[in-house]
Amino acid sequence: MKQLFATIILMLGTILCQASVYTVNNNNPSPGQYTTLTSAQTAASSGDTLLVSGSLTSYGNLSISKPLTIIGTGHHPVGNFPNASILGDIDFSGSSSSVHDVNLIGLIVNSITFDVSNTKHMYVGRCKIDSYVGFSTDQDSIVLEGNLFASTGNNLIWPTSLSLTENDITIKNNVFNGVWNGLSPSSGGNNLIASNNVFLVYAYLFYNSCSDWTFRNNIFYRADPNNVVTNSYFENNIIYHAYGSNTTFPTTNGNTSSGNMATDPKFTNFPSTGGYYSYSYDFTLQSTSPAINAGTDGKDIGLTGGNGYFQRYGIPNVPQVNQFSITSPTNATVVPGGTLQISVMSTIAR
């Protein structure tokens, strides 16, 4: 009953115009309309939403074939319902004209591969990516916002063996534990922007060539951006405890830098010598932080600035029940015609 009630509240809180909402729940017994994402996608029409319940069992791989919004419970839910919505590998199928306007929010996924050419208006937000996000074809208009890239290996991959054209890729307010691999468009890129991210890998950030990017208002805590990067612009970033003790940003090989700082950003709670992401850490800024209001837009450098948002637990900004209890009768047994009193708390994460 708890899962059913949480699903109902989430449905009521999701405001969608002229679109249907389908619930997916693979728990046993299942209170959802569907137990698999594949069956829910088949039933859904373009523009519909799939609400995926938290579960200890993965929902498996998914090949997305139509415009959909898929919303989970967050990658580290809190309260009485601590289970996350876990998926395997996500890719895309169908023609490029049919796969667009896809939103993935509040999920744990192993990997996401954009493998249909020229897809547009794709959004990944508040997800935990256990492996990587990969680009294997030409892409346009993709936003990665507020995600946790958990792997200490490759976090972003553009295959270097392909000739790719990438435009309007925005990567903002994410935490990266790992490196970027081969992020160089073959014919130059327009509006390739990484802003207000935090890079935690203790290594060179770029594993293979990286070119034509703008890095703005990011914090490089241990990560060193000076390896194999060309024709990129570094503006108002902070570097601290970088790999090899480097404290500068690249200014050769077509790179330019301005307004950057080599200083402690003074996170509220984070090891002074660095580390990988933990839910116990707090990446907000102390009142004495040099990152406060120091971005190119007059806002903070790092996760708390810019026009994006990082939610520590990945909880979507839709209503969800996080506390549910039966207050009367105390033994939760009701005779026919009797009264059952319940207490429910629902919150909306920013």
Foldseek 3Di string as FASTA:
>chain_A
DVQLVQVVQLVVFDDDDPAEEFEEDLDVVDPGPHPAPVVVLVPGDAPYEYEYEFDPDANEEEAAEAAYEYEWFFQADAFPRGGTHEYEEYEYDDALVGDENHEYARHEYQEYEDDHEAHAHYEYARYEHAHEYEYAEEYEHYEYFQYEDADQEEHYYYDPVDQYEYENYEYELYEHNYAHEDADHNVAYYNAEYFQYEYFHQEARYPEAHERYEYWLEEDQQYHPAPRYALYEYEQYEYELHHVPDGDHDDPRNYYYPNYYHDDQAAVAADPNTDGDDLVGGRDHDPPGPQALSTPVSHGRHNRDDPGHHDSRRGAQTKGWRYKDWPPPPVPDADVVGDTDMDIDIDGDD
